[in-house]
Each structure stands twice: as structure tokens, then as C-alpha cells.
Amino acid sequence: MTIDVLLKPFKPFGVRLGLESSQQLLNNLGNPQQQVPIIHVAGSNGKGSVCAYLSSVLTEAGYHTGRYTSPHLVDWTERICFE
């Protein structure tokens, strides 16, 4: 069963599938997503390691980096890192 089939009953309530609405909103806002250099890391495993490696490489290259990861191991402040 596809997502289209699952969401079709909600169409009378205004559900519109696709990215067009989001793209139009971003366009109306001046495409702010293009103003800030961001790397979004997604997937099942290894995101924390990949983010740590990327942060280290970019810092060595002279960039200032910030990182937010979740969950934390001991304290919530582990989630936020600026280098």
C-alpha cells in the first residue's frame, strides 16, 4: 500500500501531497534555506560519527561549525556543539 492510497481519504480535508506547497512557501519567504550553509545528515546508523567527522574536517579547513545531535548520553548539553 502506497502513501497516496493511505492519505487519499484525507483529500477532502485539504491534504495535498508533494513538495509544491513547501517550495512555494520557501519561494515567498525569499528561499532562506539557500542563505545558510547546512549539511543535513539522515539515516539509520552512524549519524553521530558522520557529523563528528564532518565537523572536524570543516573546522580544520577554517570553517566555524555547529552541531545538534539527539539523543544525549549523559547531559542534554551534549546535543549542542560549536567549533
N, C-alpha and C. Protein backbone atom coordinates (compact mmCIF):
# COMPACT_ATOMS: atom_id res chain seq x y z
N MET A 1 0.85 -1.18 0.00
CA MET A 1 0.00 0.00 0.00
C MET A 1 0.89 1.24 0.00
N THR A 2 0.63 2.18 -0.90
CA THR A 2 1.45 3.39 -1.00
C THR A 2 0.91 4.49 -0.11
N ILE A 3 1.73 5.50 0.10
CA ILE A 3 1.32 6.64 0.92
C ILE A 3 0.15 7.37 0.28
N ASP A 4 0.10 7.41 -1.05
CA ASP A 4 -1.01 8.06 -1.74
C ASP A 4 -2.34 7.40 -1.39
N VAL A 5 -2.34 6.08 -1.36
CA VAL A 5 -3.56 5.32 -1.04
C VAL A 5 -3.96 5.58 0.41
N LEU A 6 -2.98 5.61 1.30
CA LEU A 6 -3.28 5.82 2.72
C LEU A 6 -3.83 7.22 2.99
N LEU A 7 -3.34 8.22 2.27
CA LEU A 7 -3.74 9.60 2.52
C LEU A 7 -4.93 10.07 1.68
N LYS A 8 -5.32 9.30 0.68
CA LYS A 8 -6.42 9.70 -0.20
C LYS A 8 -7.71 10.04 0.55
N PRO A 9 -8.08 9.30 1.60
CA PRO A 9 -9.31 9.65 2.33
C PRO A 9 -9.27 11.05 2.96
N PHE A 10 -8.09 11.61 3.14
CA PHE A 10 -7.97 12.92 3.77
C PHE A 10 -8.01 14.07 2.76
N LYS A 11 -8.05 13.75 1.48
CA LYS A 11 -8.04 14.78 0.44
C LYS A 11 -9.17 15.80 0.62
N PRO A 12 -10.39 15.39 0.99
CA PRO A 12 -11.46 16.39 1.19
C PRO A 12 -11.14 17.40 2.30
N PHE A 13 -10.20 17.07 3.18
CA PHE A 13 -9.84 17.96 4.27
C PHE A 13 -8.69 18.90 3.90
N GLY A 14 -8.23 18.85 2.66
CA GLY A 14 -7.21 19.78 2.20
C GLY A 14 -5.80 19.22 2.17
N VAL A 15 -5.62 17.92 2.35
CA VAL A 15 -4.29 17.34 2.28
C VAL A 15 -3.83 17.35 0.83
N ARG A 16 -2.68 17.98 0.59
CA ARG A 16 -2.10 18.00 -0.76
C ARG A 16 -0.73 17.35 -0.69
N LEU A 17 -0.57 16.26 -1.39
CA LEU A 17 0.70 15.55 -1.41
C LEU A 17 1.70 16.27 -2.29
N GLY A 18 2.96 16.09 -2.01
CA GLY A 18 4.01 16.67 -2.82
C GLY A 18 4.71 17.82 -2.12
N LEU A 19 5.72 18.35 -2.78
CA LEU A 19 6.54 19.42 -2.21
C LEU A 19 6.16 20.80 -2.71
N GLU A 20 5.19 20.89 -3.60
CA GLU A 20 4.87 22.16 -4.22
C GLU A 20 4.51 23.24 -3.20
N SER A 21 3.71 22.91 -2.20
CA SER A 21 3.30 23.90 -1.19
C SER A 21 4.51 24.39 -0.40
N SER A 22 5.37 23.48 -0.01
CA SER A 22 6.57 23.86 0.75
C SER A 22 7.50 24.70 -0.11
N GLN A 23 7.67 24.32 -1.37
CA GLN A 23 8.53 25.09 -2.27
C GLN A 23 7.97 26.48 -2.50
N GLN A 24 6.67 26.62 -2.63
CA GLN A 24 6.05 27.92 -2.83
C GLN A 24 6.23 28.80 -1.59
N LEU A 25 6.04 28.22 -0.41
CA LEU A 25 6.24 28.97 0.83
C LEU A 25 7.68 29.47 0.93
N LEU A 26 8.64 28.59 0.68
CA LEU A 26 10.05 28.99 0.74
C LEU A 26 10.35 30.07 -0.29
N ASN A 27 9.78 29.95 -1.47
CA ASN A 27 9.96 30.96 -2.51
C ASN A 27 9.39 32.30 -2.05
N ASN A 28 8.21 32.29 -1.44
CA ASN A 28 7.59 33.52 -0.94
C ASN A 28 8.41 34.17 0.17
N LEU A 29 9.15 33.36 0.91
CA LEU A 29 9.99 33.86 2.00
C LEU A 29 11.38 34.26 1.53
N GLY A 30 11.62 34.18 0.22
CA GLY A 30 12.93 34.54 -0.32
C GLY A 30 13.95 33.42 -0.27
N ASN A 31 13.49 32.19 -0.20
CA ASN A 31 14.34 30.99 -0.17
C ASN A 31 15.43 31.08 0.90
N PRO A 32 15.03 31.22 2.17
CA PRO A 32 16.03 31.35 3.24
C PRO A 32 16.93 30.11 3.38
N GLN A 33 16.46 28.97 2.92
CA GLN A 33 17.25 27.75 3.02
C GLN A 33 18.52 27.83 2.19
N GLN A 34 18.58 28.75 1.23
CA GLN A 34 19.77 28.91 0.40
C GLN A 34 20.76 29.91 0.99
N GLN A 35 20.37 30.58 2.05
CA GLN A 35 21.22 31.60 2.66
C GLN A 35 22.15 31.04 3.73
N VAL A 36 21.82 29.89 4.29
CA VAL A 36 22.61 29.32 5.38
C VAL A 36 23.18 27.98 4.92
N PRO A 37 24.50 27.83 4.96
CA PRO A 37 25.10 26.56 4.55
C PRO A 37 24.86 25.49 5.61
N ILE A 38 24.10 24.48 5.25
CA ILE A 38 23.72 23.42 6.18
C ILE A 38 23.98 22.06 5.53
N ILE A 39 24.47 21.14 6.32
CA ILE A 39 24.57 19.74 5.90
C ILE A 39 23.62 18.97 6.80
N HIS A 40 22.61 18.34 6.21
CA HIS A 40 21.64 17.55 6.97
C HIS A 40 22.02 16.09 6.82
N VAL A 41 22.34 15.45 7.91
CA VAL A 41 22.74 14.04 7.89
C VAL A 41 21.55 13.21 8.39
N ALA A 42 21.11 12.27 7.58
CA ALA A 42 19.96 11.43 7.93
C ALA A 42 20.29 9.98 7.66
N GLY A 43 19.55 9.09 8.26
CA GLY A 43 19.75 7.67 8.04
C GLY A 43 19.52 6.90 9.33
N SER A 44 19.80 5.62 9.28
CA SER A 44 19.53 4.76 10.42
C SER A 44 20.67 4.69 11.42
N ASN A 45 21.88 4.57 10.94
CA ASN A 45 23.03 4.37 11.83
C ASN A 45 24.20 5.26 11.43
N GLY A 46 24.99 5.65 12.40
CA GLY A 46 26.24 6.35 12.13
C GLY A 46 26.15 7.85 11.99
N LYS A 47 24.99 8.44 12.25
CA LYS A 47 24.84 9.89 12.06
C LYS A 47 25.75 10.68 12.99
N GLY A 48 25.86 10.25 14.23
CA GLY A 48 26.71 10.97 15.18
C GLY A 48 28.16 10.97 14.75
N SER A 49 28.63 9.83 14.29
CA SER A 49 30.02 9.72 13.83
C SER A 49 30.24 10.57 12.58
N VAL A 50 29.33 10.48 11.64
CA VAL A 50 29.46 11.26 10.40
C VAL A 50 29.48 12.75 10.72
N CYS A 51 28.61 13.19 11.62
CA CYS A 51 28.58 14.61 12.00
C CYS A 51 29.87 15.02 12.68
N ALA A 52 30.40 14.17 13.53
CA ALA A 52 31.66 14.48 14.21
C ALA A 52 32.80 14.58 13.20
N TYR A 53 32.86 13.66 12.25
CA TYR A 53 33.89 13.70 11.22
C TYR A 53 33.77 14.96 10.37
N LEU A 54 32.55 15.25 9.91
CA LEU A 54 32.33 16.45 9.09
C LEU A 54 32.72 17.72 9.84
N SER A 55 32.31 17.80 11.08
CA SER A 55 32.62 18.96 11.90
C SER A 55 34.14 19.12 12.04
N SER A 56 34.83 18.04 12.29
CA SER A 56 36.28 18.08 12.44
C SER A 56 36.96 18.51 11.15
N VAL A 57 36.56 17.94 10.03
CA VAL A 57 37.16 18.28 8.74
C VAL A 57 36.90 19.74 8.40
N LEU A 58 35.66 20.20 8.58
CA LEU A 58 35.32 21.59 8.25
C LEU A 58 36.04 22.57 9.18
N THR A 59 36.17 22.22 10.45
CA THR A 59 36.90 23.08 11.39
C THR A 59 38.36 23.19 10.99
N GLU A 60 38.97 22.08 10.62
CA GLU A 60 40.36 22.09 10.15
C GLU A 60 40.53 22.93 8.89
N ALA A 61 39.48 22.98 8.07
CA ALA A 61 39.51 23.77 6.83
C ALA A 61 39.24 25.25 7.09
N GLY A 62 39.01 25.60 8.35
CA GLY A 62 38.82 27.00 8.69
C GLY A 62 37.39 27.47 8.85
N TYR A 63 36.44 26.56 8.79
CA TYR A 63 35.03 26.91 8.95
C TYR A 63 34.64 26.87 10.42
N HIS A 64 33.67 27.69 10.78
CA HIS A 64 33.05 27.60 12.10
C HIS A 64 31.86 26.66 11.94
N THR A 65 31.74 25.69 12.81
CA THR A 65 30.66 24.71 12.68
C THR A 65 29.83 24.65 13.95
N GLY A 66 28.60 24.25 13.78
CA GLY A 66 27.70 23.99 14.88
C GLY A 66 27.04 22.65 14.63
N ARG A 67 26.74 21.95 15.70
CA ARG A 67 26.18 20.60 15.54
C ARG A 67 25.13 20.38 16.60
N TYR A 68 24.00 19.83 16.20
CA TYR A 68 22.95 19.42 17.13
C TYR A 68 22.67 17.95 16.88
N THR A 69 22.82 17.15 17.91
CA THR A 69 22.53 15.72 17.79
C THR A 69 21.60 15.30 18.91
N SER A 70 20.90 14.23 18.69
CA SER A 70 19.97 13.71 19.68
C SER A 70 19.89 12.20 19.49
N PRO A 71 19.84 11.45 20.55
CA PRO A 71 19.72 11.82 21.96
C PRO A 71 21.09 12.07 22.56
N HIS A 72 21.10 12.56 23.79
CA HIS A 72 22.35 12.74 24.52
C HIS A 72 22.64 11.49 25.34
N LEU A 73 23.89 11.36 25.79
CA LEU A 73 24.26 10.19 26.58
C LEU A 73 24.10 10.44 28.07
N VAL A 74 24.59 11.58 28.56
CA VAL A 74 24.55 11.86 29.99
C VAL A 74 23.79 13.15 30.28
N ASP A 75 24.14 14.22 29.59
CA ASP A 75 23.57 15.53 29.86
C ASP A 75 23.07 16.15 28.56
N TRP A 76 21.95 16.88 28.60
CA TRP A 76 21.35 17.43 27.38
C TRP A 76 22.28 18.40 26.66
N THR A 77 23.25 19.00 27.37
CA THR A 77 24.16 19.95 26.71
C THR A 77 25.09 19.26 25.73
N GLU A 78 25.17 17.94 25.77
CA GLU A 78 25.98 17.20 24.80
C GLU A 78 25.40 17.34 23.39
N ARG A 79 24.14 17.66 23.29
CA ARG A 79 23.47 17.73 21.99
C ARG A 79 23.96 18.88 21.13
N ILE A 80 24.44 19.96 21.76
CA ILE A 80 24.80 21.18 21.04
C ILE A 80 26.31 21.38 21.12
N CYS A 81 26.94 21.61 19.99
CA CYS A 81 28.38 21.79 19.94
C CYS A 81 28.72 22.86 18.91
N PHE A 82 29.53 23.83 19.30
CA PHE A 82 30.03 24.86 18.37
C PHE A 82 31.54 24.77 18.34
N GLU A 83 32.09 24.80 17.14
CA GLU A 83 33.55 24.74 16.99
C GLU A 83 34.00 25.81 16.03
